[in-house]
Amino acid sequence: MEEHYTYESTLVQFLYRETPASEAAATADWIDEDPELQALYLELMLAKKQLPKVQFNPSPAVLDNILQYSTKTALEAHL
């Protein structure tokens, strides 16, 4: 599969701290050196701040299923 990257995708990854350290440093320099890119990054930061803060909590039944599966596969690995 061919992947396509854009300035925006690179900035979003940087914004969410999903880039490796070496890329993050290069991206930070890139943002500092390009006023248009800096404006876009600031716009993305503002948009991120406006997103609602959501937390997802799995139901007790889901957690129980995960723990049961984990126990089962751990036992099978020892056999």
PDB file of N, CA and C in Angstrom:
ATOM      1  N   MET A   1       0.842  -1.170   0.000  1.00  0.00           N
ATOM      2  CA  MET A   1       0.000   0.000   0.000  1.00  0.00           C
ATOM      3  C   MET A   1       0.890   1.236   0.000  1.00  0.00           C
ATOM      4  N   GLU A   2       0.543   2.182  -0.816  1.00  0.00           N
ATOM      5  CA  GLU A   2       1.309   3.417  -0.921  1.00  0.00           C
ATOM      6  C   GLU A   2       0.746   4.446   0.060  1.00  0.00           C
ATOM      7  N   GLU A   3       1.635   5.078   0.819  1.00  0.00           N
ATOM      8  CA  GLU A   3       1.198   6.076   1.785  1.00  0.00           C
ATOM      9  C   GLU A   3       1.534   7.468   1.281  1.00  0.00           C
ATOM     10  N   HIS A   4       0.635   8.399   1.525  1.00  0.00           N
ATOM     11  CA  HIS A   4       0.833   9.777   1.125  1.00  0.00           C
ATOM     12  C   HIS A   4       0.870  10.650   2.367  1.00  0.00           C
ATOM     13  N   TYR A   5       1.892  11.471   2.462  1.00  0.00           N
ATOM     14  CA  TYR A   5       2.017  12.367   3.601  1.00  0.00           C
ATOM     15  C   TYR A   5       1.852  13.802   3.131  1.00  0.00           C
ATOM     16  N   THR A   6       1.260  14.597   3.977  1.00  0.00           N
ATOM     17  CA  THR A   6       1.094  16.003   3.685  1.00  0.00           C
ATOM     18  C   THR A   6       1.676  16.795   4.840  1.00  0.00           C
ATOM     19  N   TYR A   7       1.801  18.095   4.627  1.00  0.00           N
ATOM     20  CA  TYR A   7       2.255  18.952   5.718  1.00  0.00           C
ATOM     21  C   TYR A   7       1.339  18.782   6.922  1.00  0.00           C
ATOM     22  N   GLU A   8       0.036  18.735   6.646  1.00  0.00           N
ATOM     23  CA  GLU A   8      -0.928  18.653   7.732  1.00  0.00           C
ATOM     24  C   GLU A   8      -0.765  17.364   8.539  1.00  0.00           C
ATOM     25  N   SER A   9      -0.568  16.246   7.864  1.00  0.00           N
ATOM     26  CA  SER A   9      -0.433  14.983   8.597  1.00  0.00           C
ATOM     27  C   SER A   9       0.837  14.982   9.447  1.00  0.00           C
ATOM     28  N   THR A  10       1.902  15.552   8.929  1.00  0.00           N
ATOM     29  CA  THR A  10       3.141  15.654   9.699  1.00  0.00           C
ATOM     30  C   THR A  10       2.928  16.539  10.921  1.00  0.00           C
ATOM     31  N   LEU A  11       2.238  17.652  10.729  1.00  0.00           N
ATOM     32  CA  LEU A  11       1.978  18.568  11.844  1.00  0.00           C
ATOM     33  C   LEU A  11       1.045  17.954  12.881  1.00  0.00           C
ATOM     34  N   VAL A  12       0.056  17.209  12.435  1.00  0.00           N
ATOM     35  CA  VAL A  12      -0.856  16.559  13.374  1.00  0.00           C
ATOM     36  C   VAL A  12      -0.106  15.500  14.188  1.00  0.00           C
ATOM     37  N   GLN A  13       0.739  14.734  13.543  1.00  0.00           N
ATOM     38  CA  GLN A  13       1.544  13.750  14.274  1.00  0.00           C
ATOM     39  C   GLN A  13       2.444  14.446  15.285  1.00  0.00           C
ATOM     40  N   PHE A  14       3.036  15.546  14.905  1.00  0.00           N
ATOM     41  CA  PHE A  14       3.889  16.321  15.806  1.00  0.00           C
ATOM     42  C   PHE A  14       3.059  16.874  16.964  1.00  0.00           C
ATOM     43  N   LEU A  15       1.889  17.389  16.664  1.00  0.00           N
ATOM     44  CA  LEU A  15       0.998  17.970  17.659  1.00  0.00           C
ATOM     45  C   LEU A  15       0.609  16.946  18.724  1.00  0.00           C
ATOM     46  N   TYR A  16       0.363  15.719  18.304  1.00  0.00           N
ATOM     47  CA  TYR A  16      -0.030  14.656  19.237  1.00  0.00           C
ATOM     48  C   TYR A  16       1.165  13.848  19.743  1.00  0.00           C
ATOM     49  N   ARG A  17       2.367  14.334  19.462  1.00  0.00           N
ATOM     50  CA  ARG A  17       3.615  13.700  19.911  1.00  0.00           C
ATOM     51  C   ARG A  17       3.708  12.241  19.473  1.00  0.00           C
ATOM     52  N   GLU A  18       3.396  12.025  18.205  1.00  0.00           N
ATOM     53  CA  GLU A  18       3.448  10.686  17.627  1.00  0.00           C
ATOM     54  C   GLU A  18       4.608  10.526  16.654  1.00  0.00           C
ATOM     55  N   THR A  19       5.577  11.434  16.709  1.00  0.00           N
ATOM     56  CA  THR A  19       6.736  11.337  15.826  1.00  0.00           C
ATOM     57  C   THR A  19       7.942  10.897  16.631  1.00  0.00           C
ATOM     58  N   PRO A  20       8.843  10.149  16.024  1.00  0.00           N
ATOM     59  CA  PRO A  20      10.082   9.791  16.705  1.00  0.00           C
ATOM     60  C   PRO A  20      10.872  11.054  17.075  1.00  0.00           C
ATOM     61  N   ALA A  21      11.732  10.961  18.070  1.00  0.00           N
ATOM     62  CA  ALA A  21      12.479  12.124  18.561  1.00  0.00           C
ATOM     63  C   ALA A  21      13.252  12.823  17.441  1.00  0.00           C
ATOM     64  N   SER A  22      13.888  12.043  16.574  1.00  0.00           N
ATOM     65  CA  SER A  22      14.673  12.659  15.495  1.00  0.00           C
ATOM     66  C   SER A  22      13.784  13.459  14.545  1.00  0.00           C
ATOM     67  N   GLU A  23      12.613  12.916  14.229  1.00  0.00           N
ATOM     68  CA  GLU A  23      11.684  13.631  13.353  1.00  0.00           C
ATOM     69  C   GLU A  23      11.068  14.824  14.073  1.00  0.00           C
ATOM     70  N   ALA A  24      10.813  14.687  15.357  1.00  0.00           N
ATOM     71  CA  ALA A  24      10.207  15.778  16.120  1.00  0.00           C
ATOM     72  C   ALA A  24      11.122  16.993  16.140  1.00  0.00           C
ATOM     73  N   ALA A  25      12.402  16.767  16.333  1.00  0.00           N
ATOM     74  CA  ALA A  25      13.355  17.880  16.344  1.00  0.00           C
ATOM     75  C   ALA A  25      13.401  18.561  14.983  1.00  0.00           C
ATOM     76  N   ALA A  26      13.414  17.777  13.932  1.00  0.00           N
ATOM     77  CA  ALA A  26      13.440  18.340  12.580  1.00  0.00           C
ATOM     78  C   ALA A  26      12.140  19.097  12.286  1.00  0.00           C
ATOM     79  N   THR A  27      11.026  18.555  12.725  1.00  0.00           N
ATOM     80  CA  THR A  27       9.737  19.209  12.500  1.00  0.00           C
ATOM     81  C   THR A  27       9.658  20.519  13.273  1.00  0.00           C
ATOM     82  N   ALA A  28      10.147  20.526  14.508  1.00  0.00           N
ATOM     83  CA  ALA A  28      10.151  21.762  15.309  1.00  0.00           C
ATOM     84  C   ALA A  28      10.981  22.838  14.620  1.00  0.00           C
ATOM     85  N   ASP A  29      12.142  22.464  14.097  1.00  0.00           N
ATOM     86  CA  ASP A  29      12.978  23.419  13.362  1.00  0.00           C
ATOM     87  C   ASP A  29      12.256  23.922  12.116  1.00  0.00           C
ATOM     88  N   TRP A  30      11.605  23.011  11.429  1.00  0.00           N
ATOM     89  CA  TRP A  30      10.878  23.325  10.204  1.00  0.00           C
ATOM     90  C   TRP A  30       9.768  24.336  10.501  1.00  0.00           C
ATOM     91  N   ILE A  31       9.036  24.117  11.599  1.00  0.00           N
ATOM     92  CA  ILE A  31       7.961  25.039  11.987  1.00  0.00           C
ATOM     93  C   ILE A  31       8.537  26.416  12.332  1.00  0.00           C
ATOM     94  N   ASP A  32       9.649  26.425  13.067  1.00  0.00           N
ATOM     95  CA  ASP A  32      10.276  27.694  13.460  1.00  0.00           C
ATOM     96  C   ASP A  32      10.759  28.510  12.259  1.00  0.00           C
ATOM     97  N   GLU A  33      11.181  27.826  11.212  1.00  0.00           N
ATOM     98  CA  GLU A  33      11.779  28.500  10.058  1.00  0.00           C
ATOM     99  C   GLU A  33      10.759  28.967   9.012  1.00  0.00           C
ATOM    100  N   ASP A  34       9.543  28.439   9.051  1.00  0.00           N
ATOM    101  CA  ASP A  34       8.554  28.741   8.007  1.00  0.00           C
ATOM    102  C   ASP A  34       7.319  29.400   8.623  1.00  0.00           C
ATOM    103  N   PRO A  35       7.136  30.701   8.399  1.00  0.00           N
ATOM    104  CA  PRO A  35       5.991  31.405   8.992  1.00  0.00           C
ATOM    105  C   PRO A  35       4.626  30.842   8.581  1.00  0.00           C
ATOM    106  N   GLU A  36       4.488  30.390   7.343  1.00  0.00           N
ATOM    107  CA  GLU A  36       3.214  29.799   6.898  1.00  0.00           C
ATOM    108  C   GLU A  36       2.933  28.507   7.641  1.00  0.00           C
ATOM    109  N   LEU A  37       3.978  27.698   7.792  1.00  0.00           N
ATOM    110  CA  LEU A  37       3.842  26.437   8.507  1.00  0.00           C
ATOM    111  C   LEU A  37       3.549  26.691   9.985  1.00  0.00           C
ATOM    112  N   GLN A  38       4.188  27.702  10.532  1.00  0.00           N
ATOM    113  CA  GLN A  38       3.948  28.059  11.921  1.00  0.00           C
ATOM    114  C   GLN A  38       2.488  28.488  12.113  1.00  0.00           C
ATOM    115  N   ALA A  39       1.949  29.260  11.185  1.00  0.00           N
ATOM    116  CA  ALA A  39       0.552  29.682  11.261  1.00  0.00           C
ATOM    117  C   ALA A  39      -0.386  28.472  11.189  1.00  0.00           C
ATOM    118  N   LEU A  40      -0.088  27.527  10.308  1.00  0.00           N
ATOM    119  CA  LEU A  40      -0.894  26.318  10.186  1.00  0.00           C
ATOM    120  C   LEU A  40      -0.817  25.495  11.467  1.00  0.00           C
ATOM    121  N   TYR A  41       0.370  25.380  12.030  1.00  0.00           N
ATOM    122  CA  TYR A  41       0.546  24.625  13.271  1.00  0.00           C
ATOM    123  C   TYR A  41      -0.247  25.278  14.407  1.00  0.00           C
ATOM    124  N   LEU A  42      -0.194  26.589  14.510  1.00  0.00           N
ATOM    125  CA  LEU A  42      -0.951  27.291  15.547  1.00  0.00           C
ATOM    126  C   LEU A  42      -2.459  27.103  15.363  1.00  0.00           C
ATOM    127  N   GLU A  43      -2.887  27.080  14.115  1.00  0.00           N
ATOM    128  CA  GLU A  43      -4.302  26.830  13.814  1.00  0.00           C
ATOM    129  C   GLU A  43      -4.708  25.425  14.262  1.00  0.00           C
ATOM    130  N   LEU A  44      -3.846  24.453  13.998  1.00  0.00           N
ATOM    131  CA  LEU A  44      -4.123  23.076  14.425  1.00  0.00           C
ATOM    132  C   LEU A  44      -4.134  22.956  15.950  1.00  0.00           C
ATOM    133  N   MET A  45      -3.227  23.681  16.618  1.00  0.00           N
ATOM    134  CA  MET A  45      -3.201  23.666  18.081  1.00  0.00           C
ATOM    135  C   MET A  45      -4.510  24.213  18.647  1.00  0.00           C
ATOM    136  N   LEU A  46      -4.992  25.291  18.067  1.00  0.00           N
ATOM    137  CA  LEU A  46      -6.247  25.892  18.507  1.00  0.00           C
ATOM    138  C   LEU A  46      -7.405  24.917  18.300  1.00  0.00           C
ATOM    139  N   ALA A  47      -7.419  24.277  17.156  1.00  0.00           N
ATOM    140  CA  ALA A  47      -8.476  23.302  16.866  1.00  0.00           C
ATOM    141  C   ALA A  47      -8.437  22.159  17.868  1.00  0.00           C
ATOM    142  N   LYS A  48      -7.245  21.685  18.203  1.00  0.00           N
ATOM    143  CA  LYS A  48      -7.105  20.593  19.169  1.00  0.00           C
ATOM    144  C   LYS A  48      -7.641  21.006  20.532  1.00  0.00           C
ATOM    145  N   LYS A  49      -7.343  22.230  20.946  1.00  0.00           N
ATOM    146  CA  LYS A  49      -7.809  22.716  22.247  1.00  0.00           C
ATOM    147  C   LYS A  49      -9.331  22.800  22.304  1.00  0.00           C
ATOM    148  N   GLN A  50      -9.970  22.983  21.153  1.00  0.00           N
ATOM    149  CA  GLN A  50     -11.416  23.112  21.114  1.00  0.00           C
ATOM    150  C   GLN A  50     -12.138  21.768  21.080  1.00  0.00           C
ATOM    151  N   LEU A  51     -11.390  20.686  20.881  1.00  0.00           N
ATOM    152  CA  LEU A  51     -12.012  19.365  20.877  1.00  0.00           C
ATOM    153  C   LEU A  51     -12.467  19.016  22.287  1.00  0.00           C
ATOM    154  N   PRO A  52     -13.600  18.352  22.418  1.00  0.00           N
ATOM    155  CA  PRO A  52     -14.054  17.966  23.755  1.00  0.00           C
ATOM    156  C   PRO A  52     -13.113  16.923  24.356  1.00  0.00           C
ATOM    157  N   LYS A  53     -12.951  16.999  25.653  1.00  0.00           N
ATOM    158  CA  LYS A  53     -12.114  16.029  26.365  1.00  0.00           C
ATOM    159  C   LYS A  53     -12.988  14.815  26.693  1.00  0.00           C
ATOM    160  N   VAL A  54     -12.677  13.704  26.080  1.00  0.00           N
ATOM    161  CA  VAL A  54     -13.491  12.509  26.233  1.00  0.00           C
ATOM    162  C   VAL A  54     -12.657  11.410  26.856  1.00  0.00           C
ATOM    163  N   GLN A  55     -13.252  10.700  27.767  1.00  0.00           N
ATOM    164  CA  GLN A  55     -12.606   9.531  28.339  1.00  0.00           C
ATOM    165  C   GLN A  55     -13.537   8.344  28.132  1.00  0.00           C
ATOM    166  N   PHE A  56     -12.956   7.237  27.722  1.00  0.00           N
ATOM    167  CA  PHE A  56     -13.734   6.038  27.497  1.00  0.00           C
ATOM    168  C   PHE A  56     -13.390   5.034  28.581  1.00  0.00           C
ATOM    169  N   ASN A  57     -14.416   4.507  29.211  1.00  0.00           N
ATOM    170  CA  ASN A  57     -14.227   3.498  30.245  1.00  0.00           C
ATOM    171  C   ASN A  57     -14.964   2.241  29.834  1.00  0.00           C
ATOM    172  N   PRO A  58     -14.234   1.140  29.680  1.00  0.00           N
ATOM    173  CA  PRO A  58     -14.907  -0.100  29.296  1.00  0.00           C
ATOM    174  C   PRO A  58     -15.796  -0.596  30.435  1.00  0.00           C
ATOM    175  N   SER A  59     -16.820  -1.309  30.063  1.00  0.00           N
ATOM    176  CA  SER A  59     -17.728  -1.858  31.064  1.00  0.00           C
ATOM    177  C   SER A  59     -17.022  -2.969  31.847  1.00  0.00           C
ATOM    178  N   PRO A  60     -17.483  -3.261  33.048  1.00  0.00           N
ATOM    179  CA  PRO A  60     -16.890  -4.361  33.823  1.00  0.00           C
ATOM    180  C   PRO A  60     -16.921  -5.685  33.063  1.00  0.00           C
ATOM    181  N   ALA A  61     -17.967  -5.904  32.270  1.00  0.00           N
ATOM    182  CA  ALA A  61     -18.064  -7.158  31.507  1.00  0.00           C
ATOM    183  C   ALA A  61     -16.935  -7.257  30.481  1.00  0.00           C
ATOM    184  N   VAL A  62     -16.614  -6.155  29.830  1.00  0.00           N
ATOM    185  CA  VAL A  62     -15.531  -6.151  28.840  1.00  0.00           C
ATOM    186  C   VAL A  62     -14.198  -6.434  29.529  1.00  0.00           C
ATOM    187  N   LEU A  63     -13.954  -5.775  30.651  1.00  0.00           N
ATOM    188  CA  LEU A  63     -12.710  -6.019  31.394  1.00  0.00           C
ATOM    189  C   LEU A  63     -12.617  -7.472  31.833  1.00  0.00           C
ATOM    190  N   ASP A  64     -13.728  -8.029  32.290  1.00  0.00           N
ATOM    191  CA  ASP A  64     -13.744  -9.427  32.716  1.00  0.00           C
ATOM    192  C   ASP A  64     -13.416 -10.354  31.554  1.00  0.00           C
ATOM    193  N   ASN A  65     -13.982 -10.070  30.371  1.00  0.00           N
ATOM    194  CA  ASN A  65     -13.692 -10.890  29.182  1.00  0.00           C
ATOM    195  C   ASN A  65     -12.216 -10.825  28.816  1.00  0.00           C
ATOM    196  N   ILE A  66     -11.637  -9.656  28.895  1.00  0.00           N
ATOM    197  CA  ILE A  66     -10.212  -9.494  28.578  1.00  0.00           C
ATOM    198  C   ILE A  66      -9.362 -10.284  29.561  1.00  0.00           C
ATOM    199  N   LEU A  67      -9.670 -10.179  30.841  1.00  0.00           N
ATOM    200  CA  LEU A  67      -8.907 -10.900  31.855  1.00  0.00           C
ATOM    201  C   LEU A  67      -9.050 -12.412  31.696  1.00  0.00           C
ATOM    202  N   GLN A  68     -10.249 -12.880  31.383  1.00  0.00           N
ATOM    203  CA  GLN A  68     -10.461 -14.313  31.162  1.00  0.00           C
ATOM    204  C   GLN A  68      -9.657 -14.795  29.952  1.00  0.00           C
ATOM    205  N   TYR A  69      -9.678 -14.031  28.887  1.00  0.00           N
ATOM    206  CA  TYR A  69      -8.929 -14.396  27.687  1.00  0.00           C
ATOM    207  C   TYR A  69      -7.430 -14.426  27.987  1.00  0.00           C
ATOM    208  N   SER A  70      -6.965 -13.437  28.722  1.00  0.00           N
ATOM    209  CA  SER A  70      -5.552 -13.366  29.076  1.00  0.00           C
ATOM    210  C   SER A  70      -5.135 -14.570  29.905  1.00  0.00           C
ATOM    211  N   THR A  71      -5.965 -14.934  30.867  1.00  0.00           N
ATOM    212  CA  THR A  71      -5.671 -16.096  31.708  1.00  0.00           C
ATOM    213  C   THR A  71      -5.636 -17.360  30.867  1.00  0.00           C
ATOM    214  N   LYS A  72      -6.596 -17.511  29.976  1.00  0.00           N
ATOM    215  CA  LYS A  72      -6.676 -18.690  29.119  1.00  0.00           C
ATOM    216  C   LYS A  72      -5.446 -18.809  28.225  1.00  0.00           C
ATOM    217  N   THR A  73      -5.052 -17.721  27.581  1.00  0.00           N
ATOM    218  CA  THR A  73      -3.895 -17.793  26.680  1.00  0.00           C
ATOM    219  C   THR A  73      -2.600 -17.968  27.443  1.00  0.00           C
ATOM    220  N   ALA A  74      -2.524 -17.438  28.673  1.00  0.00           N
ATOM    221  CA  ALA A  74      -1.323 -17.629  29.488  1.00  0.00           C
ATOM    222  C   ALA A  74      -1.196 -19.095  29.877  1.00  0.00           C
ATOM    223  N   LEU A  75      -2.302 -19.732  30.217  1.00  0.00           N
ATOM    224  CA  LEU A  75      -2.282 -21.165  30.563  1.00  0.00           C
ATOM    225  C   LEU A  75      -1.899 -22.001  29.352  1.00  0.00           C
ATOM    226  N   GLU A  76      -2.429 -21.660  28.181  1.00  0.00           N
ATOM    227  CA  GLU A  76      -2.114 -22.413  26.958  1.00  0.00           C
ATOM    228  C   GLU A  76      -0.648 -22.273  26.590  1.00  0.00           C
ATOM    229  N   ALA A  77      -0.048 -21.153  26.894  1.00  0.00           N
ATOM    230  CA  ALA A  77       1.358 -20.944  26.567  1.00  0.00           C
ATOM    231  C   ALA A  77       2.265 -21.806  27.424  1.00  0.00           C
ATOM    232  N   HIS A  78       1.827 -22.139  28.633  1.00  0.00           N
ATOM    233  CA  HIS A  78       2.638 -22.978  29.521  1.00  0.00           C
ATOM    234  C   HIS A  78       2.554 -24.454  29.189  1.00  0.00           C
ATOM    235  N   LEU A  79       1.544 -24.853  28.425  1.00  0.00           N
ATOM    236  CA  LEU A  79       1.347 -26.278  28.095  1.00  0.00           C
ATOM    237  C   LEU A  79       2.226 -26.734  27.000  1.00  0.00           C
TER     238      LEU A  79
END
